[in-house]
Amino acid sequence: MKAHRFTVGQTVSFSRSGPPRSAPRETFKIVRLLPAEASDQQYRVKSTLDGHERVVKESQLS
């Protein structure tokens, strides 16, 4: 299994799945590294804008 590309504390951009949106990409801070799902690493991230947290896949981050 491949290693996580991002580290705890790092700020990343999140790209939502689905049709392209006109809103700018939101930035999040990595809170925790999670196990992979279907060979795509997962992360617990926290919004730098409003503080909400979510779980995202590595393929959605840059």
PDB file of N, CA and C in Angstrom:
ATOM      1  N   MET A   1       0.847  -1.183   0.000  1.00  0.00           N
ATOM      2  CA  MET A   1       0.000   0.000   0.000  1.00  0.00           C
ATOM      3  C   MET A   1       0.889   1.242   0.000  1.00  0.00           C
ATOM      4  N   LYS A   2       0.505   2.237  -0.761  1.00  0.00           N
ATOM      5  CA  LYS A   2       1.316   3.449  -0.838  1.00  0.00           C
ATOM      6  C   LYS A   2       1.149   4.319   0.403  1.00  0.00           C
ATOM      7  N   ALA A   3       2.148   5.142   0.654  1.00  0.00           N
ATOM      8  CA  ALA A   3       2.130   6.040   1.810  1.00  0.00           C
ATOM      9  C   ALA A   3       1.266   7.266   1.523  1.00  0.00           C
ATOM     10  N   HIS A   4       0.840   7.940   2.593  1.00  0.00           N
ATOM     11  CA  HIS A   4       0.091   9.187   2.443  1.00  0.00           C
ATOM     12  C   HIS A   4       0.997  10.240   1.795  1.00  0.00           C
ATOM     13  N   ARG A   5       0.443  11.023   0.896  1.00  0.00           N
ATOM     14  CA  ARG A   5       1.184  12.074   0.201  1.00  0.00           C
ATOM     15  C   ARG A   5       1.288  13.345   1.043  1.00  0.00           C
ATOM     16  N   PHE A   6       0.291  13.595   1.881  1.00  0.00           N
ATOM     17  CA  PHE A   6       0.236  14.810   2.699  1.00  0.00           C
ATOM     18  C   PHE A   6       0.476  14.460   4.163  1.00  0.00           C
ATOM     19  N   THR A   7       0.867  15.440   4.973  1.00  0.00           N
ATOM     20  CA  THR A   7       1.171  15.210   6.384  1.00  0.00           C
ATOM     21  C   THR A   7       0.237  16.017   7.279  1.00  0.00           C
ATOM     22  N   VAL A   8       0.118  15.588   8.534  1.00  0.00           N
ATOM     23  CA  VAL A   8      -0.704  16.297   9.518  1.00  0.00           C
ATOM     24  C   VAL A   8      -0.173  17.720   9.667  1.00  0.00           C
ATOM     25  N   GLY A   9      -1.089  18.701   9.651  1.00  0.00           N
ATOM     26  CA  GLY A   9      -0.726  20.106   9.783  1.00  0.00           C
ATOM     27  C   GLY A   9      -0.560  20.816   8.457  1.00  0.00           C
ATOM     28  N   GLN A  10      -0.473  20.071   7.374  1.00  0.00           N
ATOM     29  CA  GLN A  10      -0.289  20.668   6.051  1.00  0.00           C
ATOM     30  C   GLN A  10      -1.603  21.268   5.556  1.00  0.00           C
ATOM     31  N   THR A  11      -1.534  22.407   4.858  1.00  0.00           N
ATOM     32  CA  THR A  11      -2.708  23.034   4.262  1.00  0.00           C
ATOM     33  C   THR A  11      -2.820  22.578   2.820  1.00  0.00           C
ATOM     34  N   VAL A  12      -4.030  22.155   2.436  1.00  0.00           N
ATOM     35  CA  VAL A  12      -4.272  21.614   1.096  1.00  0.00           C
ATOM     36  C   VAL A  12      -5.521  22.254   0.494  1.00  0.00           C
ATOM     37  N   SER A  13      -5.658  22.135  -0.820  1.00  0.00           N
ATOM     38  CA  SER A  13      -6.867  22.577  -1.522  1.00  0.00           C
ATOM     39  C   SER A  13      -7.740  21.370  -1.776  1.00  0.00           C
ATOM     40  N   PHE A  14      -9.043  21.536  -1.622  1.00  0.00           N
ATOM     41  CA  PHE A  14     -10.004  20.452  -1.793  1.00  0.00           C
ATOM     42  C   PHE A  14     -10.829  20.690  -3.049  1.00  0.00           C
ATOM     43  N   SER A  15     -10.955  19.659  -3.865  1.00  0.00           N
ATOM     44  CA  SER A  15     -11.747  19.718  -5.087  1.00  0.00           C
ATOM     45  C   SER A  15     -12.938  18.783  -4.935  1.00  0.00           C
ATOM     46  N   ARG A  16     -14.137  19.322  -4.963  1.00  0.00           N
ATOM     47  CA  ARG A  16     -15.347  18.511  -4.805  1.00  0.00           C
ATOM     48  C   ARG A  16     -15.537  17.591  -6.010  1.00  0.00           C
ATOM     49  N   SER A  17     -16.167  16.442  -5.761  1.00  0.00           N
ATOM     50  CA  SER A  17     -16.501  15.506  -6.844  1.00  0.00           C
ATOM     51  C   SER A  17     -17.709  16.031  -7.595  1.00  0.00           C
ATOM     52  N   GLY A  18     -17.885  15.552  -8.810  1.00  0.00           N
ATOM     53  CA  GLY A  18     -19.058  15.922  -9.580  1.00  0.00           C
ATOM     54  C   GLY A  18     -18.766  17.024 -10.567  1.00  0.00           C
ATOM     55  N   PRO A  19     -19.825  17.700 -11.044  1.00  0.00           N
ATOM     56  CA  PRO A  19     -19.651  18.733 -12.069  1.00  0.00           C
ATOM     57  C   PRO A  19     -18.789  19.888 -11.556  1.00  0.00           C
ATOM     58  N   PRO A  20     -18.053  20.533 -12.435  1.00  0.00           N
ATOM     59  CA  PRO A  20     -17.231  21.673 -12.008  1.00  0.00           C
ATOM     60  C   PRO A  20     -18.094  22.763 -11.378  1.00  0.00           C
ATOM     61  N   ARG A  21     -17.552  23.387 -10.375  1.00  0.00           N
ATOM     62  CA  ARG A  21     -18.276  24.466  -9.686  1.00  0.00           C
ATOM     63  C   ARG A  21     -17.550  25.784  -9.938  1.00  0.00           C
ATOM     64  N   SER A  22     -18.305  26.864  -9.900  1.00  0.00           N
ATOM     65  CA  SER A  22     -17.698  28.170 -10.134  1.00  0.00           C
ATOM     66  C   SER A  22     -17.027  28.722  -8.875  1.00  0.00           C
ATOM     67  N   ALA A  23     -17.343  28.132  -7.718  1.00  0.00           N
ATOM     68  CA  ALA A  23     -16.751  28.597  -6.457  1.00  0.00           C
ATOM     69  C   ALA A  23     -15.267  28.238  -6.417  1.00  0.00           C
ATOM     70  N   PRO A  24     -14.450  29.082  -5.782  1.00  0.00           N
ATOM     71  CA  PRO A  24     -13.027  28.760  -5.663  1.00  0.00           C
ATOM     72  C   PRO A  24     -12.826  27.521  -4.791  1.00  0.00           C
ATOM     73  N   ARG A  25     -11.703  26.863  -4.997  1.00  0.00           N
ATOM     74  CA  ARG A  25     -11.384  25.688  -4.183  1.00  0.00           C
ATOM     75  C   ARG A  25     -11.180  26.125  -2.743  1.00  0.00           C
ATOM     76  N   GLU A  26     -11.709  25.331  -1.835  1.00  0.00           N
ATOM     77  CA  GLU A  26     -11.599  25.642  -0.411  1.00  0.00           C
ATOM     78  C   GLU A  26     -10.306  25.050   0.142  1.00  0.00           C
ATOM     79  N   THR A  27      -9.702  25.726   1.125  1.00  0.00           N
ATOM     80  CA  THR A  27      -8.487  25.197   1.733  1.00  0.00           C
ATOM     81  C   THR A  27      -8.810  24.546   3.081  1.00  0.00           C
ATOM     82  N   PHE A  28      -8.088  23.457   3.359  1.00  0.00           N
ATOM     83  CA  PHE A  28      -8.260  22.683   4.570  1.00  0.00           C
ATOM     84  C   PHE A  28      -6.906  22.376   5.168  1.00  0.00           C
ATOM     85  N   LYS A  29      -6.880  22.126   6.473  1.00  0.00           N
ATOM     86  CA  LYS A  29      -5.668  21.687   7.159  1.00  0.00           C
ATOM     87  C   LYS A  29      -5.845  20.205   7.501  1.00  0.00           C
ATOM     88  N   ILE A  30      -4.814  19.399   7.220  1.00  0.00           N
ATOM     89  CA  ILE A  30      -4.859  17.966   7.534  1.00  0.00           C
ATOM     90  C   ILE A  30      -4.841  17.799   9.051  1.00  0.00           C
ATOM     91  N   VAL A  31      -5.854  17.098   9.594  1.00  0.00           N
ATOM     92  CA  VAL A  31      -5.980  16.869  11.026  1.00  0.00           C
ATOM     93  C   VAL A  31      -5.494  15.466  11.395  1.00  0.00           C
ATOM     94  N   ARG A  32      -5.802  14.471  10.546  1.00  0.00           N
ATOM     95  CA  ARG A  32      -5.453  13.083  10.850  1.00  0.00           C
ATOM     96  C   ARG A  32      -5.321  12.280   9.567  1.00  0.00           C
ATOM     97  N   LEU A  33      -4.386  11.331   9.555  1.00  0.00           N
ATOM     98  CA  LEU A  33      -4.239  10.389   8.453  1.00  0.00           C
ATOM     99  C   LEU A  33      -5.143   9.201   8.740  1.00  0.00           C
ATOM    100  N   LEU A  34      -5.916   8.772   7.746  1.00  0.00           N
ATOM    101  CA  LEU A  34      -6.843   7.652   7.905  1.00  0.00           C
ATOM    102  C   LEU A  34      -6.443   6.511   6.971  1.00  0.00           C
ATOM    103  N   PRO A  35      -6.959   5.302   7.220  1.00  0.00           N
ATOM    104  CA  PRO A  35      -6.660   4.170   6.339  1.00  0.00           C
ATOM    105  C   PRO A  35      -7.213   4.402   4.928  1.00  0.00           C
ATOM    106  N   ALA A  36      -6.618   3.726   3.977  1.00  0.00           N
ATOM    107  CA  ALA A  36      -7.048   3.832   2.574  1.00  0.00           C
ATOM    108  C   ALA A  36      -8.407   3.176   2.369  1.00  0.00           C
ATOM    109  N   GLU A  37      -9.120   3.669   1.370  1.00  0.00           N
ATOM    110  CA  GLU A  37     -10.367   3.047   0.931  1.00  0.00           C
ATOM    111  C   GLU A  37     -10.230   2.828  -0.569  1.00  0.00           C
ATOM    112  N   ALA A  38     -10.294   1.583  -0.994  1.00  0.00           N
ATOM    113  CA  ALA A  38     -10.149   1.245  -2.424  1.00  0.00           C
ATOM    114  C   ALA A  38      -8.862   1.827  -2.998  1.00  0.00           C
ATOM    115  N   SER A  39      -7.773   1.662  -2.293  1.00  0.00           N
ATOM    116  CA  SER A  39      -6.417   2.100  -2.681  1.00  0.00           C
ATOM    117  C   SER A  39      -6.250   3.614  -2.794  1.00  0.00           C
ATOM    118  N   ASP A  40      -7.180   4.394  -2.253  1.00  0.00           N
ATOM    119  CA  ASP A  40      -7.059   5.857  -2.228  1.00  0.00           C
ATOM    120  C   ASP A  40      -6.951   6.273  -0.755  1.00  0.00           C
ATOM    121  N   GLN A  41      -5.809   6.825  -0.359  1.00  0.00           N
ATOM    122  CA  GLN A  41      -5.610   7.242   1.035  1.00  0.00           C
ATOM    123  C   GLN A  41      -6.685   8.252   1.436  1.00  0.00           C
ATOM    124  N   GLN A  42      -7.023   8.273   2.724  1.00  0.00           N
ATOM    125  CA  GLN A  42      -8.029   9.199   3.232  1.00  0.00           C
ATOM    126  C   GLN A  42      -7.440  10.063   4.339  1.00  0.00           C
ATOM    127  N   TYR A  43      -8.069  11.235   4.533  1.00  0.00           N
ATOM    128  CA  TYR A  43      -7.613  12.211   5.521  1.00  0.00           C
ATOM    129  C   TYR A  43      -8.807  12.814   6.231  1.00  0.00           C
ATOM    130  N   ARG A  44      -8.629  13.169   7.500  1.00  0.00           N
ATOM    131  CA  ARG A  44      -9.587  13.999   8.226  1.00  0.00           C
ATOM    132  C   ARG A  44      -9.033  15.400   8.081  1.00  0.00           C
ATOM    133  N   VAL A  45      -9.844  16.325   7.550  1.00  0.00           N
ATOM    134  CA  VAL A  45      -9.383  17.692   7.310  1.00  0.00           C
ATOM    135  C   VAL A  45     -10.324  18.691   7.962  1.00  0.00           C
ATOM    136  N   LYS A  46      -9.804  19.881   8.249  1.00  0.00           N
ATOM    137  CA  LYS A  46     -10.576  20.949   8.884  1.00  0.00           C
ATOM    138  C   LYS A  46     -10.495  22.193   8.012  1.00  0.00           C
ATOM    139  N   SER A  47     -11.642  22.788   7.720  1.00  0.00           N
ATOM    140  CA  SER A  47     -11.703  23.982   6.885  1.00  0.00           C
ATOM    141  C   SER A  47     -10.970  25.150   7.542  1.00  0.00           C
ATOM    142  N   THR A  48     -10.157  25.854   6.768  1.00  0.00           N
ATOM    143  CA  THR A  48      -9.490  27.042   7.291  1.00  0.00           C
ATOM    144  C   THR A  48     -10.442  28.237   7.303  1.00  0.00           C
ATOM    145  N   LEU A  49     -11.575  28.115   6.632  1.00  0.00           N
ATOM    146  CA  LEU A  49     -12.554  29.197   6.556  1.00  0.00           C
ATOM    147  C   LEU A  49     -13.520  29.195   7.747  1.00  0.00           C
ATOM    148  N   ASP A  50     -14.173  28.049   7.982  1.00  0.00           N
ATOM    149  CA  ASP A  50     -15.192  28.026   9.038  1.00  0.00           C
ATOM    150  C   ASP A  50     -14.993  26.926  10.088  1.00  0.00           C
ATOM    151  N   GLY A  51     -13.930  26.133   9.978  1.00  0.00           N
ATOM    152  CA  GLY A  51     -13.613  25.150  11.002  1.00  0.00           C
ATOM    153  C   GLY A  51     -14.332  23.821  10.912  1.00  0.00           C
ATOM    154  N   HIS A  52     -15.230  23.640   9.902  1.00  0.00           N
ATOM    155  CA  HIS A  52     -15.910  22.339   9.835  1.00  0.00           C
ATOM    156  C   HIS A  52     -14.927  21.270   9.361  1.00  0.00           C
ATOM    157  N   GLU A  53     -15.163  20.032   9.814  1.00  0.00           N
ATOM    158  CA  GLU A  53     -14.287  18.915   9.480  1.00  0.00           C
ATOM    159  C   GLU A  53     -15.008  17.944   8.561  1.00  0.00           C
ATOM    160  N   ARG A  54     -14.223  17.221   7.754  1.00  0.00           N
ATOM    161  CA  ARG A  54     -14.758  16.219   6.852  1.00  0.00           C
ATOM    162  C   ARG A  54     -13.677  15.206   6.536  1.00  0.00           C
ATOM    163  N   VAL A  55     -14.075  14.066   6.012  1.00  0.00           N
ATOM    164  CA  VAL A  55     -13.145  13.038   5.552  1.00  0.00           C
ATOM    165  C   VAL A  55     -13.092  13.143   4.033  1.00  0.00           C
ATOM    166  N   VAL A  56     -11.878  13.183   3.488  1.00  0.00           N
ATOM    167  CA  VAL A  56     -11.694  13.311   2.036  1.00  0.00           C
ATOM    168  C   VAL A  56     -10.681  12.285   1.554  1.00  0.00           C
ATOM    169  N   LYS A  57     -10.751  11.984   0.282  1.00  0.00           N
ATOM    170  CA  LYS A  57      -9.786  11.079  -0.336  1.00  0.00           C
ATOM    171  C   LYS A  57      -8.627  11.875  -0.908  1.00  0.00           C
ATOM    172  N   GLU A  58      -7.464  11.239  -0.967  1.00  0.00           N
ATOM    173  CA  GLU A  58      -6.259  11.908  -1.458  1.00  0.00           C
ATOM    174  C   GLU A  58      -6.438  12.424  -2.881  1.00  0.00           C
ATOM    175  N   SER A  59      -7.214  11.720  -3.703  1.00  0.00           N
ATOM    176  CA  SER A  59      -7.429  12.138  -5.082  1.00  0.00           C
ATOM    177  C   SER A  59      -8.206  13.448  -5.187  1.00  0.00           C
ATOM    178  N   GLN A  60      -8.834  13.888  -4.090  1.00  0.00           N
ATOM    179  CA  GLN A  60      -9.575  15.151  -4.087  1.00  0.00           C
ATOM    180  C   GLN A  60      -8.728  16.330  -3.607  1.00  0.00           C
ATOM    181  N   LEU A  61      -7.490  16.069  -3.235  1.00  0.00           N
ATOM    182  CA  LEU A  61      -6.631  17.117  -2.651  1.00  0.00           C
ATOM    183  C   LEU A  61      -5.479  17.494  -3.569  1.00  0.00           C
ATOM    184  N   SER A  62      -5.044  18.718  -3.405  1.00  0.00           N
ATOM    185  CA  SER A  62      -3.814  19.168  -4.084  1.00  0.00           C
ATOM    186  C   SER A  62      -3.125  20.181  -3.197  1.00  0.00           C
TER     187      SER A  62
END
